[in-house]
Amino acid sequence: MHSTILNQIEEMVGCLSRREQLRLIEQLAHRLREGSKNSDVSRQSNSQLVAMAADAEVQAELQKIDHEFGVTEADGLESSYNPKINNRSQK
């Protein structure tokens, strides 16, 4: 199936002028380069995240932040907005 599609594309490209063919090749090369850059960045980001997650200092800081926000969660500020309560207080 894929070879059939590739053959059709090849035939269509053959119908283009030389200038159009060169432009098409340039666009495809650009798209391939950009895709390669994005996958490299993604791999680097993932490896950095894994390293950070394993870092004891980062884990300690996250626990500290979690503890600090635990107070906020306990006092009810995390609850959802209730317009009936807010409308009564404005009257």
Protein backbone atom coordinates (compact mmCIF):
# COMPACT_ATOMS: atom_id res chain seq x y z
CA MET A 1 0.00 0.00 0.00
CA HIS A 2 2.73 2.48 0.95
CA SER A 3 4.66 1.77 -2.22
CA THR A 4 1.54 2.57 -4.25
CA ILE A 5 1.20 5.94 -2.53
CA LEU A 6 4.89 6.65 -3.03
CA ASN A 7 4.58 5.76 -6.71
CA GLN A 8 1.64 8.16 -7.06
CA ILE A 9 3.60 10.92 -5.34
CA GLU A 10 6.57 10.25 -7.59
CA GLU A 11 4.35 10.53 -10.67
CA MET A 12 2.87 13.82 -9.41
CA VAL A 13 6.30 15.23 -8.68
CA GLY A 14 7.29 14.29 -12.23
CA CYS A 15 4.52 16.57 -13.50
CA LEU A 16 6.03 19.58 -11.70
CA SER A 17 8.52 21.93 -13.28
CA ARG A 18 12.16 21.63 -12.21
CA ARG A 19 11.80 24.80 -10.14
CA GLU A 20 8.70 23.43 -8.36
CA GLN A 21 10.47 20.14 -7.70
CA LEU A 22 13.40 21.95 -6.10
CA ARG A 23 11.05 24.02 -3.97
CA LEU A 24 9.24 20.86 -2.85
CA ILE A 25 12.52 19.19 -1.92
CA GLU A 26 13.59 22.25 0.06
CA GLN A 27 10.29 22.27 1.97
CA LEU A 28 10.53 18.54 2.72
CA ALA A 29 14.13 18.88 3.89
CA HIS A 30 13.17 21.79 6.14
CA ARG A 31 10.28 19.80 7.62
CA LEU A 32 12.54 16.80 8.26
CA ARG A 33 15.21 18.97 9.91
CA GLU A 34 12.63 20.64 12.18
CA GLY A 35 11.19 17.27 13.17
CA SER A 36 14.67 16.01 14.02
CA LYS A 37 15.39 19.10 16.14
CA ASN A 38 12.12 18.72 18.03
CA SER A 39 12.74 15.06 18.82
CA ASP A 40 16.29 15.85 20.04
CA VAL A 41 14.95 18.60 22.31
CA SER A 42 12.25 16.28 23.61
CA ARG A 43 14.81 13.58 24.44
CA GLN A 44 17.01 16.12 26.23
CA SER A 45 14.05 17.48 28.20
CA ASN A 46 12.97 14.00 29.25
CA SER A 47 16.45 13.06 30.42
CA GLN A 48 16.71 16.34 32.37
CA LEU A 49 13.36 15.69 34.04
CA VAL A 50 14.42 12.17 34.99
CA ALA A 51 17.64 13.52 36.48
CA MET A 52 15.75 16.20 38.42
CA ALA A 53 13.25 13.67 39.75
CA ALA A 54 16.09 11.53 41.06
CA ASP A 55 17.94 14.48 42.61
CA ALA A 56 17.69 14.42 46.42
CA GLU A 57 17.82 18.23 46.68
CA VAL A 58 14.93 18.61 44.24
CA GLN A 59 12.91 16.00 46.13
CA ALA A 60 13.56 17.79 49.43
CA GLU A 61 12.46 21.12 47.93
CA LEU A 62 9.28 19.54 46.54
CA GLN A 63 8.47 18.07 49.95
CA LYS A 64 9.01 21.49 51.53
CA ILE A 65 6.66 23.11 49.01
CA ASP A 66 4.10 20.35 49.52
CA HIS A 67 4.24 20.92 53.28
CA GLU A 68 3.82 24.68 52.87
CA PHE A 69 0.77 24.26 50.66
CA GLY A 70 -0.67 21.62 53.00
CA VAL A 71 -1.71 24.47 55.31
CA THR A 72 -3.59 26.17 52.46
CA GLU A 73 -5.38 22.95 51.55
CA ALA A 74 -6.36 22.40 55.17
CA ASP A 75 -7.96 25.84 55.58
CA GLY A 76 -10.38 25.27 52.69
CA LEU A 77 -8.97 27.65 50.09
CA GLU A 78 -8.83 24.76 47.67
CA SER A 79 -12.66 24.42 47.55
CA SER A 80 -14.51 25.42 44.40
CA TYR A 81 -16.20 28.79 43.87
CA ASN A 82 -19.85 28.94 45.00
CA PRO A 83 -21.69 31.92 43.44
CA LYS A 84 -24.69 31.62 45.84
CA ILE A 85 -22.50 32.27 48.86
CA ASN A 86 -20.67 35.16 47.18
CA ASN A 87 -23.88 36.81 45.94
CA ARG A 88 -25.41 36.81 49.46
CA SER A 89 -22.38 38.52 50.93
CA GLN A 90 -22.66 41.34 48.38
CA LYS A 91 -26.34 42.14 49.23
